[in-house]
């Protein structure tokens, strides 16, 4: 098959969107996960009676349990968001070519 002078293979690959939005999402998700981890540790420390890290908020066992649950939820959401952004950043770019023009694989 003859390749003409006007052929440019880069046109077949789509121009991907900028990764800055996803990178900022990864950074925000990491901050959320760290904040959730700190809240979880503060809630667990309040439950064990080691220290009142946040004053009145985790001085009682009920407040410490609430901190622990909220911290675990924020940690879970941060990890979920981080994994989702990383998965979208690593998606392979496919060719913009008709499927019937590709090679047939048995």
N, C-alpha and C. Protein backbone atom coordinates (compact mmCIF):
# COMPACT_ATOMS: atom_id res chain seq x y z
N UNK A 1 0.84 -1.17 0.00
CA UNK A 1 0.00 0.00 0.00
C UNK A 1 0.89 1.24 0.00
N UNK A 2 0.58 2.15 -0.85
CA UNK A 2 1.38 3.35 -0.99
C UNK A 2 0.95 4.39 0.05
N UNK A 3 1.92 4.96 0.73
CA UNK A 3 1.64 6.02 1.69
C UNK A 3 1.84 7.35 0.99
N UNK A 4 0.82 8.14 0.97
CA UNK A 4 0.92 9.43 0.28
C UNK A 4 1.66 10.43 1.15
N UNK A 5 2.05 11.52 0.55
CA UNK A 5 2.81 12.55 1.28
C UNK A 5 1.95 13.29 2.29
N UNK A 6 0.65 13.33 2.05
CA UNK A 6 -0.23 14.07 2.95
C UNK A 6 -0.69 13.25 4.16
N UNK A 7 -0.21 12.01 4.29
CA UNK A 7 -0.66 11.15 5.39
C UNK A 7 0.07 11.51 6.68
N UNK A 8 -0.68 11.65 7.73
CA UNK A 8 -0.10 11.93 9.05
C UNK A 8 -0.71 10.96 10.05
N UNK A 9 0.11 10.06 10.57
CA UNK A 9 -0.39 9.03 11.49
C UNK A 9 -0.86 9.61 12.81
N UNK A 10 -0.39 10.79 13.17
CA UNK A 10 -0.82 11.40 14.44
C UNK A 10 -2.30 11.78 14.43
N UNK A 11 -2.88 11.93 13.22
CA UNK A 11 -4.30 12.25 13.14
C UNK A 11 -5.17 11.09 13.60
N UNK A 12 -4.64 9.87 13.53
CA UNK A 12 -5.43 8.70 13.93
C UNK A 12 -5.62 8.64 15.44
N UNK A 13 -4.67 9.14 16.19
CA UNK A 13 -4.79 9.13 17.65
C UNK A 13 -5.47 10.41 18.11
N UNK A 14 -6.45 10.27 18.98
CA UNK A 14 -7.14 11.47 19.45
C UNK A 14 -6.24 12.30 20.36
N UNK A 15 -6.41 13.58 20.30
CA UNK A 15 -5.67 14.45 21.21
C UNK A 15 -6.34 14.34 22.57
N UNK A 16 -5.63 13.77 23.50
CA UNK A 16 -6.19 13.56 24.82
C UNK A 16 -6.36 14.85 25.58
N UNK A 17 -7.30 14.87 26.50
CA UNK A 17 -7.48 16.08 27.31
C UNK A 17 -6.30 16.26 28.24
N UNK A 18 -6.17 17.44 28.73
CA UNK A 18 -5.08 17.74 29.64
C UNK A 18 -5.24 16.95 30.93
N UNK A 19 -4.14 16.48 31.46
CA UNK A 19 -4.18 15.67 32.68
C UNK A 19 -4.16 16.51 33.94
N UNK A 20 -4.17 17.81 33.82
CA UNK A 20 -4.08 18.65 35.02
C UNK A 20 -5.29 18.48 35.93
N UNK A 21 -6.46 18.35 35.32
CA UNK A 21 -7.66 18.18 36.13
C UNK A 21 -7.59 16.88 36.94
N UNK A 22 -7.12 15.82 36.29
CA UNK A 22 -7.02 14.54 36.99
C UNK A 22 -5.89 14.57 38.02
N UNK A 23 -4.82 15.26 37.71
CA UNK A 23 -3.72 15.35 38.69
C UNK A 23 -4.15 16.13 39.92
N UNK A 24 -4.91 17.20 39.72
CA UNK A 24 -5.44 17.95 40.86
C UNK A 24 -6.42 17.08 41.65
N UNK A 25 -7.19 16.27 40.95
CA UNK A 25 -8.10 15.35 41.62
C UNK A 25 -7.36 14.33 42.46
N UNK A 26 -6.23 13.84 41.94
CA UNK A 26 -5.41 12.88 42.70
C UNK A 26 -4.84 13.55 43.95
N UNK A 27 -4.38 14.79 43.81
CA UNK A 27 -3.84 15.50 44.97
C UNK A 27 -4.91 15.78 46.02
N UNK A 28 -6.09 16.19 45.56
CA UNK A 28 -7.20 16.44 46.49
C UNK A 28 -7.63 15.15 47.19
N UNK A 29 -7.65 14.05 46.44
CA UNK A 29 -8.03 12.76 47.02
C UNK A 29 -7.00 12.31 48.06
N UNK A 30 -5.72 12.57 47.79
CA UNK A 30 -4.69 12.20 48.76
C UNK A 30 -4.83 13.04 50.04
N UNK A 31 -5.15 14.33 49.89
CA UNK A 31 -5.38 15.16 51.06
C UNK A 31 -6.60 14.69 51.86
N UNK A 32 -7.65 14.30 51.15
CA UNK A 32 -8.83 13.77 51.82
C UNK A 32 -8.50 12.49 52.59
N UNK A 33 -7.73 11.61 51.97
CA UNK A 33 -7.36 10.36 52.63
C UNK A 33 -6.51 10.63 53.87
N UNK A 34 -5.59 11.57 53.79
CA UNK A 34 -4.77 11.90 54.96
C UNK A 34 -5.61 12.51 56.07
N UNK A 35 -6.54 13.40 55.70
CA UNK A 35 -7.41 14.01 56.70
C UNK A 35 -8.30 12.96 57.36
N UNK A 36 -8.82 12.04 56.56
CA UNK A 36 -9.62 10.95 57.10
C UNK A 36 -8.82 10.06 58.02
N UNK A 37 -7.58 9.80 57.66
CA UNK A 37 -6.72 8.98 58.52
C UNK A 37 -6.44 9.68 59.85
N UNK A 38 -6.20 10.99 59.80
CA UNK A 38 -5.96 11.73 61.04
C UNK A 38 -7.20 11.75 61.93
N UNK A 39 -8.38 11.94 61.34
CA UNK A 39 -9.61 11.90 62.13
C UNK A 39 -9.84 10.51 62.72
N UNK A 40 -9.54 9.48 61.96
CA UNK A 40 -9.71 8.12 62.46
C UNK A 40 -8.79 7.86 63.64
N UNK A 41 -7.55 8.28 63.52
CA UNK A 41 -6.58 8.09 64.61
C UNK A 41 -7.00 8.90 65.84
N UNK A 42 -7.49 10.13 65.64
CA UNK A 42 -7.93 10.94 66.77
C UNK A 42 -9.14 10.31 67.45
N UNK A 43 -10.08 9.77 66.67
CA UNK A 43 -11.23 9.11 67.24
C UNK A 43 -10.86 7.85 67.99
N UNK A 44 -9.93 7.07 67.43
CA UNK A 44 -9.50 5.85 68.11
C UNK A 44 -8.74 6.18 69.39
N UNK A 45 -7.93 7.22 69.37
CA UNK A 45 -7.21 7.63 70.59
C UNK A 45 -8.19 8.09 71.66
N UNK A 46 -9.24 8.78 71.28
CA UNK A 46 -10.25 9.20 72.24
C UNK A 46 -11.01 8.02 72.82
N UNK A 47 -11.25 6.99 72.00
CA UNK A 47 -11.93 5.80 72.50
C UNK A 47 -11.07 5.02 73.49
N UNK A 48 -9.77 5.00 73.25
CA UNK A 48 -8.86 4.30 74.16
C UNK A 48 -8.51 5.13 75.38
N UNK A 49 -8.94 6.39 75.38
CA UNK A 49 -8.71 7.25 76.54
C UNK A 49 -7.30 7.78 76.64
N UNK A 50 -6.59 7.84 75.52
CA UNK A 50 -5.20 8.29 75.55
C UNK A 50 -5.08 9.80 75.61
N UNK A 51 -5.83 10.50 74.78
CA UNK A 51 -5.73 11.96 74.78
C UNK A 51 -6.98 12.56 74.18
N UNK A 52 -7.22 13.79 74.53
CA UNK A 52 -8.31 14.54 73.91
C UNK A 52 -7.70 15.47 72.88
N UNK A 53 -7.46 14.95 71.70
CA UNK A 53 -6.75 15.71 70.66
C UNK A 53 -7.57 16.88 70.15
N UNK A 54 -8.89 16.73 70.10
CA UNK A 54 -9.72 17.79 69.54
C UNK A 54 -10.60 18.44 70.61
N UNK A 55 -10.17 18.41 71.83
CA UNK A 55 -10.89 19.08 72.91
C UNK A 55 -12.19 18.40 73.25
N UNK A 56 -13.28 19.16 73.23
CA UNK A 56 -14.59 18.65 73.61
C UNK A 56 -15.15 17.65 72.61
N UNK A 57 -14.66 17.68 71.38
CA UNK A 57 -15.24 16.85 70.34
C UNK A 57 -15.04 15.36 70.60
N UNK A 58 -13.87 14.99 71.10
CA UNK A 58 -13.66 13.57 71.37
C UNK A 58 -13.35 13.32 72.84
N UNK A 59 -13.89 14.14 73.73
CA UNK A 59 -13.70 13.92 75.16
C UNK A 59 -14.61 12.80 75.65
N UNK A 60 -15.76 12.63 75.04
CA UNK A 60 -16.67 11.56 75.43
C UNK A 60 -16.54 10.39 74.47
N UNK A 61 -16.91 9.20 74.91
CA UNK A 61 -16.84 8.04 74.00
C UNK A 61 -17.75 8.18 72.79
N UNK A 62 -18.91 8.82 72.93
CA UNK A 62 -19.80 8.99 71.78
C UNK A 62 -19.18 9.92 70.75
N UNK A 63 -18.58 11.01 71.20
CA UNK A 63 -17.91 11.92 70.27
C UNK A 63 -16.73 11.27 69.58
N UNK A 64 -16.00 10.45 70.32
CA UNK A 64 -14.87 9.74 69.72
C UNK A 64 -15.34 8.73 68.68
N UNK A 65 -16.44 8.05 68.97
CA UNK A 65 -16.97 7.09 68.00
C UNK A 65 -17.45 7.81 66.74
N UNK A 66 -18.07 8.97 66.91
CA UNK A 66 -18.51 9.74 65.74
C UNK A 66 -17.31 10.19 64.91
N UNK A 67 -16.26 10.64 65.59
CA UNK A 67 -15.03 11.03 64.88
C UNK A 67 -14.43 9.84 64.13
N UNK A 68 -14.44 8.69 64.76
CA UNK A 68 -13.89 7.50 64.14
C UNK A 68 -14.68 7.14 62.87
N UNK A 69 -16.00 7.17 62.95
CA UNK A 69 -16.83 6.81 61.80
C UNK A 69 -16.68 7.84 60.68
N UNK A 70 -16.70 9.12 61.02
CA UNK A 70 -16.54 10.17 60.00
C UNK A 70 -15.16 10.07 59.35
N UNK A 71 -14.14 9.82 60.16
CA UNK A 71 -12.79 9.66 59.63
C UNK A 71 -12.68 8.49 58.67
N UNK A 72 -13.33 7.36 59.03
CA UNK A 72 -13.30 6.20 58.14
C UNK A 72 -14.03 6.47 56.84
N UNK A 73 -15.16 7.20 56.90
CA UNK A 73 -15.89 7.54 55.68
C UNK A 73 -15.08 8.46 54.78
N UNK A 74 -14.43 9.46 55.36
CA UNK A 74 -13.61 10.38 54.56
C UNK A 74 -12.41 9.64 53.98
N UNK A 75 -11.81 8.75 54.77
CA UNK A 75 -10.69 7.95 54.27
C UNK A 75 -11.13 7.08 53.11
N UNK A 76 -12.28 6.41 53.24
CA UNK A 76 -12.78 5.56 52.17
C UNK A 76 -13.06 6.38 50.91
N UNK A 77 -13.70 7.55 51.06
CA UNK A 77 -14.00 8.39 49.90
C UNK A 77 -12.73 8.89 49.23
N UNK A 78 -11.71 9.27 50.03
CA UNK A 78 -10.44 9.73 49.46
C UNK A 78 -9.74 8.65 48.67
N UNK A 79 -9.74 7.43 49.20
CA UNK A 79 -9.10 6.31 48.49
C UNK A 79 -9.87 5.98 47.22
N UNK A 80 -11.21 5.99 47.29
CA UNK A 80 -12.03 5.72 46.11
C UNK A 80 -11.78 6.76 45.02
N UNK A 81 -11.75 8.03 45.40
CA UNK A 81 -11.51 9.10 44.43
C UNK A 81 -10.11 9.01 43.85
N UNK A 82 -9.13 8.69 44.67
CA UNK A 82 -7.75 8.56 44.20
C UNK A 82 -7.63 7.44 43.18
N UNK A 83 -8.24 6.30 43.48
CA UNK A 83 -8.17 5.16 42.55
C UNK A 83 -8.90 5.47 41.24
N UNK A 84 -10.02 6.15 41.33
CA UNK A 84 -10.78 6.48 40.13
C UNK A 84 -10.00 7.44 39.23
N UNK A 85 -9.38 8.46 39.84
CA UNK A 85 -8.59 9.41 39.03
C UNK A 85 -7.37 8.73 38.43
N UNK A 86 -6.70 7.88 39.18
CA UNK A 86 -5.53 7.17 38.64
C UNK A 86 -5.93 6.23 37.50
N UNK A 87 -7.07 5.58 37.63
CA UNK A 87 -7.54 4.68 36.58
C UNK A 87 -7.84 5.45 35.31
N UNK A 88 -8.45 6.63 35.44
CA UNK A 88 -8.76 7.43 34.26
C UNK A 88 -7.51 8.02 33.63
N UNK A 89 -6.49 8.31 34.45
CA UNK A 89 -5.24 8.84 33.89
C UNK A 89 -4.50 7.78 33.08
N UNK A 90 -4.65 6.54 33.43
CA UNK A 90 -3.90 5.47 32.79
C UNK A 90 -4.67 4.74 31.70
N UNK A 91 -5.83 5.26 31.30
CA UNK A 91 -6.57 4.62 30.23
C UNK A 91 -5.80 4.74 28.92
N UNK A 92 -5.70 3.64 28.20
CA UNK A 92 -5.00 3.73 26.91
C UNK A 92 -5.84 4.50 25.91
N UNK A 93 -5.13 5.23 25.06
CA UNK A 93 -5.82 5.97 24.00
C UNK A 93 -6.01 5.03 22.81
N UNK A 94 -7.22 4.94 22.32
CA UNK A 94 -7.49 4.05 21.21
C UNK A 94 -7.38 4.82 19.89
N UNK A 95 -7.27 4.08 18.83
CA UNK A 95 -7.16 4.70 17.51
C UNK A 95 -8.53 5.14 17.02
N UNK A 96 -8.57 6.24 16.31
CA UNK A 96 -9.80 6.70 15.68
C UNK A 96 -9.87 6.12 14.27
N UNK A 97 -10.13 4.86 14.19
CA UNK A 97 -10.21 4.19 12.90
C UNK A 97 -11.39 3.22 12.96
N UNK A 98 -12.03 3.03 11.82
CA UNK A 98 -13.19 2.14 11.78
C UNK A 98 -12.78 0.72 12.15
N UNK A 99 -13.65 0.05 12.88
CA UNK A 99 -13.29 -1.29 13.37
C UNK A 99 -13.16 -2.30 12.24
N UNK A 100 -13.88 -2.10 11.13
CA UNK A 100 -13.78 -3.06 10.04
C UNK A 100 -12.47 -2.91 9.26
N UNK A 101 -11.72 -1.84 9.49
CA UNK A 101 -10.44 -1.67 8.82
C UNK A 101 -9.29 -2.27 9.63
N UNK A 102 -9.55 -2.66 10.87
CA UNK A 102 -8.51 -3.25 11.70
C UNK A 102 -8.27 -4.69 11.29
N UNK A 103 -7.16 -5.28 11.75
CA UNK A 103 -6.87 -6.67 11.44
C UNK A 103 -7.87 -7.58 12.14
N UNK A 104 -8.20 -8.65 11.49
CA UNK A 104 -9.11 -9.63 12.07
C UNK A 104 -8.29 -10.59 12.94
N UNK A 105 -8.75 -10.80 14.15
CA UNK A 105 -8.10 -11.76 15.05
C UNK A 105 -9.06 -12.91 15.30
N UNK A 106 -8.59 -14.11 15.08
CA UNK A 106 -9.48 -15.28 15.25
C UNK A 106 -9.64 -15.61 16.68
